[in-house]
mmCIF file of all heavy atoms, coordinates in Angstrom:
data_MODEL
# 
_entry.id   MODEL 
# 
loop_
_atom_site.group_PDB 
_atom_site.id 
_atom_site.type_symbol 
_atom_site.label_atom_id 
_atom_site.label_alt_id 
_atom_site.label_comp_id 
_atom_site.label_asym_id 
_atom_site.label_entity_id 
_atom_site.label_seq_id 
_atom_site.pdbx_PDB_ins_code 
_atom_site.Cartn_x 
_atom_site.Cartn_y 
_atom_site.Cartn_z 
_atom_site.occupancy 
_atom_site.B_iso_or_equiv 
_atom_site.pdbx_formal_charge 
_atom_site.auth_seq_id 
_atom_site.auth_comp_id 
_atom_site.auth_asym_id 
_atom_site.auth_atom_id 
_atom_site.pdbx_PDB_model_num 
ATOM 1   N N   . LEU A 1 1  ? 0.820   -1.208  0.000  1.00 0.00 ? 1  LEU A N   1 
ATOM 2   C CA  . LEU A 1 1  ? 0.000   0.000   0.000  1.00 0.00 ? 1  LEU A CA  1 
ATOM 3   C C   . LEU A 1 1  ? 0.857   1.263   0.000  1.00 0.00 ? 1  LEU A C   1 
ATOM 4   O O   . LEU A 1 1  ? 0.416   2.317   0.438  1.00 0.00 ? 1  LEU A O   1 
ATOM 5   C CB  . LEU A 1 1  ? -0.931  -0.013  1.212  1.00 0.00 ? 1  LEU A CB  1 
ATOM 6   C CG  . LEU A 1 1  ? -2.112  -0.997  1.119  1.00 0.00 ? 1  LEU A CG  1 
ATOM 7   C CD1 . LEU A 1 1  ? -2.537  -1.482  2.488  1.00 0.00 ? 1  LEU A CD1 1 
ATOM 8   C CD2 . LEU A 1 1  ? -3.280  -0.353  0.402  1.00 0.00 ? 1  LEU A CD2 1 
ATOM 9   N N   . GLN A 1 2  ? 2.066   1.175   -0.508 1.00 0.00 ? 2  GLN A N   1 
ATOM 10  C CA  . GLN A 1 2  ? 2.946   2.337   -0.554 1.00 0.00 ? 2  GLN A CA  1 
ATOM 11  C C   . GLN A 1 2  ? 2.303   3.464   -1.363 1.00 0.00 ? 2  GLN A C   1 
ATOM 12  O O   . GLN A 1 2  ? 1.732   3.233   -2.438 1.00 0.00 ? 2  GLN A O   1 
ATOM 13  C CB  . GLN A 1 2  ? 4.279   1.976   -1.207 1.00 0.00 ? 2  GLN A CB  1 
ATOM 14  C CG  . GLN A 1 2  ? 5.148   1.033   -0.414 1.00 0.00 ? 2  GLN A CG  1 
ATOM 15  C CD  . GLN A 1 2  ? 6.464   0.786   -1.120 1.00 0.00 ? 2  GLN A CD  1 
ATOM 16  O OE1 . GLN A 1 2  ? 7.374   1.615   -1.058 1.00 0.00 ? 2  GLN A OE1 1 
ATOM 17  N NE2 . GLN A 1 2  ? 6.578   -0.337  -1.798 1.00 0.00 ? 2  GLN A NE2 1 
ATOM 18  N N   . ASN A 1 3  ? 2.387   4.678   -0.820 1.00 0.00 ? 3  ASN A N   1 
ATOM 19  C CA  . ASN A 1 3  ? 1.882   5.886   -1.497 1.00 0.00 ? 3  ASN A CA  1 
ATOM 20  C C   . ASN A 1 3  ? 0.388   5.848   -1.785 1.00 0.00 ? 3  ASN A C   1 
ATOM 21  O O   . ASN A 1 3  ? -0.114  6.652   -2.578 1.00 0.00 ? 3  ASN A O   1 
ATOM 22  C CB  . ASN A 1 3  ? 2.643   6.126   -2.813 1.00 0.00 ? 3  ASN A CB  1 
ATOM 23  C CG  . ASN A 1 3  ? 4.117   6.408   -2.583 1.00 0.00 ? 3  ASN A CG  1 
ATOM 24  O OD1 . ASN A 1 3  ? 4.481   7.376   -1.938 1.00 0.00 ? 3  ASN A OD1 1 
ATOM 25  N ND2 . ASN A 1 3  ? 4.963   5.530   -3.099 1.00 0.00 ? 3  ASN A ND2 1 
ATOM 26  N N   . ALA A 1 4  ? -0.340  4.939   -1.174 1.00 0.00 ? 4  ALA A N   1 
ATOM 27  C CA  . ALA A 1 4  ? -1.787  4.878   -1.388 1.00 0.00 ? 4  ALA A CA  1 
ATOM 28  C C   . ALA A 1 4  ? -2.482  5.967   -0.571 1.00 0.00 ? 4  ALA A C   1 
ATOM 29  O O   . ALA A 1 4  ? -1.993  6.390   0.477  1.00 0.00 ? 4  ALA A O   1 
ATOM 30  C CB  . ALA A 1 4  ? -2.324  3.505   -0.991 1.00 0.00 ? 4  ALA A CB  1 
ATOM 31  N N   . ASN A 1 5  ? -3.627  6.410   -1.051 1.00 0.00 ? 5  ASN A N   1 
ATOM 32  C CA  . ASN A 1 5  ? -4.456  7.374   -0.321 1.00 0.00 ? 5  ASN A CA  1 
ATOM 33  C C   . ASN A 1 5  ? -5.590  6.601   0.329  1.00 0.00 ? 5  ASN A C   1 
ATOM 34  O O   . ASN A 1 5  ? -6.542  6.179   -0.333 1.00 0.00 ? 5  ASN A O   1 
ATOM 35  C CB  . ASN A 1 5  ? -5.000  8.443   -1.263 1.00 0.00 ? 5  ASN A CB  1 
ATOM 36  C CG  . ASN A 1 5  ? -5.750  9.544   -0.513 1.00 0.00 ? 5  ASN A CG  1 
ATOM 37  O OD1 . ASN A 1 5  ? -6.059  9.407   0.671  1.00 0.00 ? 5  ASN A OD1 1 
ATOM 38  N ND2 . ASN A 1 5  ? -6.046  10.626  -1.194 1.00 0.00 ? 5  ASN A ND2 1 
ATOM 39  N N   . ILE A 1 6  ? -5.484  6.404   1.652  1.00 0.00 ? 6  ILE A N   1 
ATOM 40  C CA  . ILE A 1 6  ? -6.438  5.573   2.385  1.00 0.00 ? 6  ILE A CA  1 
ATOM 41  C C   . ILE A 1 6  ? -7.292  6.445   3.311  1.00 0.00 ? 6  ILE A C   1 
ATOM 42  O O   . ILE A 1 6  ? -7.850  6.006   4.304  1.00 0.00 ? 6  ILE A O   1 
ATOM 43  C CB  . ILE A 1 6  ? -5.683  4.475   3.172  1.00 0.00 ? 6  ILE A CB  1 
ATOM 44  C CG1 . ILE A 1 6  ? -4.641  3.819   2.262  1.00 0.00 ? 6  ILE A CG1 1 
ATOM 45  C CG2 . ILE A 1 6  ? -6.617  3.384   3.689  1.00 0.00 ? 6  ILE A CG2 1 
ATOM 46  C CD1 . ILE A 1 6  ? -3.708  2.860   2.962  1.00 0.00 ? 6  ILE A CD1 1 
ATOM 47  N N   . THR A 1 7  ? -7.406  7.713   2.971  1.00 0.00 ? 7  THR A N   1 
ATOM 48  C CA  . THR A 1 7  ? -8.131  8.676   3.794  1.00 0.00 ? 7  THR A CA  1 
ATOM 49  C C   . THR A 1 7  ? -9.555  8.198   4.074  1.00 0.00 ? 7  THR A C   1 
ATOM 50  O O   . THR A 1 7  ? -10.295 7.825   3.165  1.00 0.00 ? 7  THR A O   1 
ATOM 51  C CB  . THR A 1 7  ? -8.192  10.046  3.096  1.00 0.00 ? 7  THR A CB  1 
ATOM 52  O OG1 . THR A 1 7  ? -6.862  10.513  2.853  1.00 0.00 ? 7  THR A OG1 1 
ATOM 53  C CG2 . THR A 1 7  ? -8.933  11.054  3.949  1.00 0.00 ? 7  THR A CG2 1 
ATOM 54  N N   . ASN A 1 8  ? -9.905  8.199   5.359  1.00 0.00 ? 8  ASN A N   1 
ATOM 55  C CA  . ASN A 1 8  ? -11.275 7.926   5.796  1.00 0.00 ? 8  ASN A CA  1 
ATOM 56  C C   . ASN A 1 8  ? -11.759 6.513   5.451  1.00 0.00 ? 8  ASN A C   1 
ATOM 57  O O   . ASN A 1 8  ? -12.967 6.245   5.451  1.00 0.00 ? 8  ASN A O   1 
ATOM 58  C CB  . ASN A 1 8  ? -12.247 8.956   5.203  1.00 0.00 ? 8  ASN A CB  1 
ATOM 59  C CG  . ASN A 1 8  ? -13.472 9.171   6.072  1.00 0.00 ? 8  ASN A CG  1 
ATOM 60  O OD1 . ASN A 1 8  ? -13.359 9.278   7.290  1.00 0.00 ? 8  ASN A OD1 1 
ATOM 61  N ND2 . ASN A 1 8  ? -14.638 9.215   5.464  1.00 0.00 ? 8  ASN A ND2 1 
ATOM 62  N N   . ALA A 1 9  ? -10.834 5.604   5.175  1.00 0.00 ? 9  ALA A N   1 
ATOM 63  C CA  . ALA A 1 9  ? -11.224 4.228   4.854  1.00 0.00 ? 9  ALA A CA  1 
ATOM 64  C C   . ALA A 1 9  ? -11.571 3.459   6.127  1.00 0.00 ? 9  ALA A C   1 
ATOM 65  O O   . ALA A 1 9  ? -11.086 3.756   7.214  1.00 0.00 ? 9  ALA A O   1 
ATOM 66  C CB  . ALA A 1 9  ? -10.108 3.520   4.105  1.00 0.00 ? 9  ALA A CB  1 
ATOM 67  N N   . ASN A 1 10 ? -12.415 2.434   5.970  1.00 0.00 ? 10 ASN A N   1 
ATOM 68  C CA  . ASN A 1 10 ? -12.837 1.589   7.080  1.00 0.00 ? 10 ASN A CA  1 
ATOM 69  C C   . ASN A 1 10 ? -12.095 0.260   6.996  1.00 0.00 ? 10 ASN A C   1 
ATOM 70  O O   . ASN A 1 10 ? -12.336 -0.534  6.081  1.00 0.00 ? 10 ASN A O   1 
ATOM 71  C CB  . ASN A 1 10 ? -14.350 1.365   7.020  1.00 0.00 ? 10 ASN A CB  1 
ATOM 72  C CG  . ASN A 1 10 ? -14.843 0.430   8.119  1.00 0.00 ? 10 ASN A CG  1 
ATOM 73  O OD1 . ASN A 1 10 ? -14.086 0.051   9.009  1.00 0.00 ? 10 ASN A OD1 1 
ATOM 74  N ND2 . ASN A 1 10 ? -16.106 0.057   8.054  1.00 0.00 ? 10 ASN A ND2 1 
ATOM 75  N N   . LEU A 1 11 ? -11.175 0.035   7.956  1.00 0.00 ? 11 LEU A N   1 
ATOM 76  C CA  . LEU A 1 11 ? -10.412 -1.212  8.009  1.00 0.00 ? 11 LEU A CA  1 
ATOM 77  C C   . LEU A 1 11 ? -10.625 -1.923  9.338  1.00 0.00 ? 11 LEU A C   1 
ATOM 78  O O   . LEU A 1 11 ? -9.756  -2.631  9.834  1.00 0.00 ? 11 LEU A O   1 
ATOM 79  C CB  . LEU A 1 11 ? -8.931  -0.939  7.771  1.00 0.00 ? 11 LEU A CB  1 
ATOM 80  C CG  . LEU A 1 11 ? -8.637  -0.344  6.396  1.00 0.00 ? 11 LEU A CG  1 
ATOM 81  C CD1 . LEU A 1 11 ? -8.186  1.105   6.509  1.00 0.00 ? 11 LEU A CD1 1 
ATOM 82  C CD2 . LEU A 1 11 ? -7.594  -1.150  5.640  1.00 0.00 ? 11 LEU A CD2 1 
ATOM 83  N N   . VAL A 1 12 ? -11.805 -1.767  9.905  1.00 0.00 ? 12 VAL A N   1 
ATOM 84  C CA  . VAL A 1 12 ? -12.136 -2.370  11.193 1.00 0.00 ? 12 VAL A CA  1 
ATOM 85  C C   . VAL A 1 12 ? -12.007 -3.892  11.111 1.00 0.00 ? 12 VAL A C   1 
ATOM 86  O O   . VAL A 1 12 ? -12.546 -4.531  10.191 1.00 0.00 ? 12 VAL A O   1 
ATOM 87  C CB  . VAL A 1 12 ? -13.563 -1.984  11.619 1.00 0.00 ? 12 VAL A CB  1 
ATOM 88  C CG1 . VAL A 1 12 ? -13.991 -2.762  12.856 1.00 0.00 ? 12 VAL A CG1 1 
ATOM 89  C CG2 . VAL A 1 12 ? -13.645 -0.483  11.877 1.00 0.00 ? 12 VAL A CG2 1 
ATOM 90  N N   . LYS A 1 13 ? -11.237 -4.454  12.031 1.00 0.00 ? 13 LYS A N   1 
ATOM 91  C CA  . LYS A 1 13 ? -11.052 -5.907  12.165 1.00 0.00 ? 13 LYS A CA  1 
ATOM 92  C C   . LYS A 1 13 ? -10.421 -6.550  10.927 1.00 0.00 ? 13 LYS A C   1 
ATOM 93  O O   . LYS A 1 13 ? -10.509 -7.765  10.739 1.00 0.00 ? 13 LYS A O   1 
ATOM 94  C CB  . LYS A 1 13 ? -12.369 -6.599  12.508 1.00 0.00 ? 13 LYS A CB  1 
ATOM 95  C CG  . LYS A 1 13 ? -12.952 -6.187  13.850 1.00 0.00 ? 13 LYS A CG  1 
ATOM 96  C CD  . LYS A 1 13 ? -14.227 -6.960  14.171 1.00 0.00 ? 13 LYS A CD  1 
ATOM 97  C CE  . LYS A 1 13 ? -14.782 -6.535  15.515 1.00 0.00 ? 13 LYS A CE  1 
ATOM 98  N NZ  . LYS A 1 13 ? -16.043 -7.259  15.837 1.00 0.00 ? 13 LYS A NZ  1 
ATOM 99  N N   . ALA A 1 14 ? -9.791  -5.755  10.074 1.00 0.00 ? 14 ALA A N   1 
ATOM 100 C CA  . ALA A 1 14 ? -9.096  -6.326  8.914  1.00 0.00 ? 14 ALA A CA  1 
ATOM 101 C C   . ALA A 1 14 ? -7.741  -6.896  9.348  1.00 0.00 ? 14 ALA A C   1 
ATOM 102 O O   . ALA A 1 14 ? -7.152  -6.456  10.335 1.00 0.00 ? 14 ALA A O   1 
ATOM 103 C CB  . ALA A 1 14 ? -8.896  -5.266  7.841  1.00 0.00 ? 14 ALA A CB  1 
ATOM 104 N N   . ASN A 1 15 ? -7.264  -7.893  8.607  1.00 0.00 ? 15 ASN A N   1 
ATOM 105 C CA  . ASN A 1 15 ? -5.947  -8.470  8.875  1.00 0.00 ? 15 ASN A CA  1 
ATOM 106 C C   . ASN A 1 15 ? -4.966  -7.926  7.854  1.00 0.00 ? 15 ASN A C   1 
ATOM 107 O O   . ASN A 1 15 ? -5.034  -8.259  6.669  1.00 0.00 ? 15 ASN A O   1 
ATOM 108 C CB  . ASN A 1 15 ? -6.003  -10.000 8.790  1.00 0.00 ? 15 ASN A CB  1 
ATOM 109 C CG  . ASN A 1 15 ? -4.705  -10.642 9.260  1.00 0.00 ? 15 ASN A CG  1 
ATOM 110 O OD1 . ASN A 1 15 ? -3.654  -10.011 9.292  1.00 0.00 ? 15 ASN A OD1 1 
ATOM 111 N ND2 . ASN A 1 15 ? -4.764  -11.908 9.631  1.00 0.00 ? 15 ASN A ND2 1 
ATOM 112 N N   . LEU A 1 16 ? -4.042  -7.055  8.321  1.00 0.00 ? 16 LEU A N   1 
ATOM 113 C CA  . LEU A 1 16 ? -3.077  -6.383  7.441  1.00 0.00 ? 16 LEU A CA  1 
ATOM 114 C C   . LEU A 1 16 ? -1.650  -6.674  7.877  1.00 0.00 ? 16 LEU A C   1 
ATOM 115 O O   . LEU A 1 16 ? -0.755  -5.867  7.655  1.00 0.00 ? 16 LEU A O   1 
ATOM 116 C CB  . LEU A 1 16 ? -3.333  -4.880  7.445  1.00 0.00 ? 16 LEU A CB  1 
ATOM 117 C CG  . LEU A 1 16 ? -4.692  -4.428  6.908  1.00 0.00 ? 16 LEU A CG  1 
ATOM 118 C CD1 . LEU A 1 16 ? -5.435  -3.574  7.914  1.00 0.00 ? 16 LEU A CD1 1 
ATOM 119 C CD2 . LEU A 1 16 ? -4.528  -3.665  5.611  1.00 0.00 ? 16 LEU A CD2 1 
ATOM 120 N N   . SER A 1 17 ? -1.425  -7.811  8.479  1.00 0.00 ? 17 SER A N   1 
ATOM 121 C CA  . SER A 1 17 ? -0.088  -8.121  8.975  1.00 0.00 ? 17 SER A CA  1 
ATOM 122 C C   . SER A 1 17 ? 0.923   -8.162  7.836  1.00 0.00 ? 17 SER A C   1 
ATOM 123 O O   . SER A 1 17 ? 0.610   -8.563  6.716  1.00 0.00 ? 17 SER A O   1 
ATOM 124 C CB  . SER A 1 17 ? -0.102  -9.471  9.713  1.00 0.00 ? 17 SER A CB  1 
ATOM 125 O OG  . SER A 1 17 ? -0.508  -10.506 8.851  1.00 0.00 ? 17 SER A OG  1 
ATOM 126 N N   . GLN A 1 18 ? 2.125   -7.685  8.129  1.00 0.00 ? 18 GLN A N   1 
ATOM 127 C CA  . GLN A 1 18 ? 3.250   -7.674  7.197  1.00 0.00 ? 18 GLN A CA  1 
ATOM 128 C C   . GLN A 1 18 ? 2.961   -6.864  5.927  1.00 0.00 ? 18 GLN A C   1 
ATOM 129 O O   . GLN A 1 18 ? 3.498   -7.145  4.858  1.00 0.00 ? 18 GLN A O   1 
ATOM 130 C CB  . GLN A 1 18 ? 3.650   -9.105  6.823  1.00 0.00 ? 18 GLN A CB  1 
ATOM 131 C CG  . GLN A 1 18 ? 4.148   -9.908  8.024  1.00 0.00 ? 18 GLN A CG  1 
ATOM 132 C CD  . GLN A 1 18 ? 4.574   -11.307 7.644  1.00 0.00 ? 18 GLN A CD  1 
ATOM 133 O OE1 . GLN A 1 18 ? 3.783   -12.074 7.123  1.00 0.00 ? 18 GLN A OE1 1 
ATOM 134 N NE2 . GLN A 1 18 ? 5.827   -11.634 7.898  1.00 0.00 ? 18 GLN A NE2 1 
ATOM 135 N N   . SER A 1 19 ? 2.114   -5.839  6.051  1.00 0.00 ? 19 SER A N   1 
ATOM 136 C CA  . SER A 1 19 ? 1.802   -4.989  4.900  1.00 0.00 ? 19 SER A CA  1 
ATOM 137 C C   . SER A 1 19 ? 2.655   -3.730  4.906  1.00 0.00 ? 19 SER A C   1 
ATOM 138 O O   . SER A 1 19 ? 3.216   -3.342  5.923  1.00 0.00 ? 19 SER A O   1 
ATOM 139 C CB  . SER A 1 19 ? 0.313   -4.633  4.900  1.00 0.00 ? 19 SER A CB  1 
ATOM 140 O OG  . SER A 1 19 ? -0.468  -5.784  4.623  1.00 0.00 ? 19 SER A OG  1 
ATOM 141 N N   . ASN A 1 20 ? 2.734   -3.086  3.748  1.00 0.00 ? 20 ASN A N   1 
ATOM 142 C CA  . ASN A 1 20 ? 3.610   -1.926  3.581  1.00 0.00 ? 20 ASN A CA  1 
ATOM 143 C C   . ASN A 1 20 ? 2.781   -0.674  3.328  1.00 0.00 ? 20 ASN A C   1 
ATOM 144 O O   . ASN A 1 20 ? 2.168   -0.532  2.265  1.00 0.00 ? 20 ASN A O   1 
ATOM 145 C CB  . ASN A 1 20 ? 4.575   -2.163  2.414  1.00 0.00 ? 20 ASN A CB  1 
ATOM 146 C CG  . ASN A 1 20 ? 5.654   -1.097  2.321  1.00 0.00 ? 20 ASN A CG  1 
ATOM 147 O OD1 . ASN A 1 20 ? 5.585   -0.068  3.001  1.00 0.00 ? 20 ASN A OD1 1 
ATOM 148 N ND2 . ASN A 1 20 ? 6.642   -1.325  1.486  1.00 0.00 ? 20 ASN A ND2 1 
ATOM 149 N N   . PHE A 1 21 ? 2.750   0.227   4.331  1.00 0.00 ? 21 PHE A N   1 
ATOM 150 C CA  . PHE A 1 21 ? 2.034   1.500   4.233  1.00 0.00 ? 21 PHE A CA  1 
ATOM 151 C C   . PHE A 1 21 ? 2.996   2.676   4.080  1.00 0.00 ? 21 PHE A C   1 
ATOM 152 O O   . PHE A 1 21 ? 2.623   3.818   4.330  1.00 0.00 ? 21 PHE A O   1 
ATOM 153 C CB  . PHE A 1 21 ? 1.199   1.733   5.496  1.00 0.00 ? 21 PHE A CB  1 
ATOM 154 C CG  . PHE A 1 21 ? 0.085   0.749   5.714  1.00 0.00 ? 21 PHE A CG  1 
ATOM 155 C CD1 . PHE A 1 21 ? 0.298   -0.408  6.443  1.00 0.00 ? 21 PHE A CD1 1 
ATOM 156 C CD2 . PHE A 1 21 ? -1.181  0.981   5.201  1.00 0.00 ? 21 PHE A CD2 1 
ATOM 157 C CE1 . PHE A 1 21 ? -0.721  -1.317  6.666  1.00 0.00 ? 21 PHE A CE1 1 
ATOM 158 C CE2 . PHE A 1 21 ? -2.218  0.087   5.415  1.00 0.00 ? 21 PHE A CE2 1 
ATOM 159 C CZ  . PHE A 1 21 ? -1.987  -1.068  6.147  1.00 0.00 ? 21 PHE A CZ  1 
ATOM 160 N N   . SER A 1 22 ? 4.226   2.436   3.694  1.00 0.00 ? 22 SER A N   1 
ATOM 161 C CA  . SER A 1 22 ? 5.220   3.507   3.623  1.00 0.00 ? 22 SER A CA  1 
ATOM 162 C C   . SER A 1 22 ? 4.737   4.653   2.730  1.00 0.00 ? 22 SER A C   1 
ATOM 163 O O   . SER A 1 22 ? 4.271   4.436   1.614  1.00 0.00 ? 22 SER A O   1 
ATOM 164 C CB  . SER A 1 22 ? 6.546   2.969   3.073  1.00 0.00 ? 22 SER A CB  1 
ATOM 165 O OG  . SER A 1 22 ? 7.077   2.001   3.943  1.00 0.00 ? 22 SER A OG  1 
ATOM 166 N N   . LYS A 1 23 ? 4.818   5.866   3.269  1.00 0.00 ? 23 LYS A N   1 
ATOM 167 C CA  . LYS A 1 23 ? 4.424   7.111   2.575  1.00 0.00 ? 23 LYS A CA  1 
ATOM 168 C C   . LYS A 1 23 ? 2.944   7.137   2.184  1.00 0.00 ? 23 LYS A C   1 
ATOM 169 O O   . LYS A 1 23 ? 2.532   7.971   1.370  1.00 0.00 ? 23 LYS A O   1 
ATOM 170 C CB  . LYS A 1 23 ? 5.303   7.345   1.346  1.00 0.00 ? 23 LYS A CB  1 
ATOM 171 C CG  . LYS A 1 23 ? 6.780   7.530   1.675  1.00 0.00 ? 23 LYS A CG  1 
ATOM 172 C CD  . LYS A 1 23 ? 7.593   7.842   0.426  1.00 0.00 ? 23 LYS A CD  1 
ATOM 173 C CE  . LYS A 1 23 ? 9.062   8.028   0.758  1.00 0.00 ? 23 LYS A CE  1 
ATOM 174 N NZ  . LYS A 1 23 ? 9.867   8.326   -0.443 1.00 0.00 ? 23 LYS A NZ  1 
ATOM 175 N N   . ALA A 1 24 ? 2.143   6.259   2.757  1.00 0.00 ? 24 ALA A N   1 
ATOM 176 C CA  . ALA A 1 24 ? 0.702   6.274   2.475  1.00 0.00 ? 24 ALA A CA  1 
ATOM 177 C C   . ALA A 1 24 ? 0.016   7.361   3.293  1.00 0.00 ? 24 ALA A C   1 
ATOM 178 O O   . ALA A 1 24 ? 0.521   7.798   4.332  1.00 0.00 ? 24 ALA A O   1 
ATOM 179 C CB  . ALA A 1 24 ? 0.082   4.923   2.796  1.00 0.00 ? 24 ALA A CB  1 
ATOM 180 N N   . ILE A 1 25 ? -1.144  7.812   2.819  1.00 0.00 ? 25 ILE A N   1 
ATOM 181 C CA  . ILE A 1 25 ? -1.961  8.781   3.545  1.00 0.00 ? 25 ILE A CA  1 
ATOM 182 C C   . ILE A 1 25 ? -3.078  8.011   4.241  1.00 0.00 ? 25 ILE A C   1 
ATOM 183 O O   . ILE A 1 25 ? -3.967  7.468   3.592  1.00 0.00 ? 25 ILE A O   1 
ATOM 184 C CB  . ILE A 1 25 ? -2.543  9.844   2.600  1.00 0.00 ? 25 ILE A CB  1 
ATOM 185 C CG1 . ILE A 1 25 ? -1.432  10.582  1.855  1.00 0.00 ? 25 ILE A CG1 1 
ATOM 186 C CG2 . ILE A 1 25 ? -3.405  10.841  3.379  1.00 0.00 ? 25 ILE A CG2 1 
ATOM 187 C CD1 . ILE A 1 25 ? -1.937  11.526  0.773  1.00 0.00 ? 25 ILE A CD1 1 
# 
């Protein structure tokens, strides 16, 4: 998810282990 725009997204109870949010919003 590098450089992704995740503004106001709903990730309740999601499994995102070992994911890459570097420089994401």
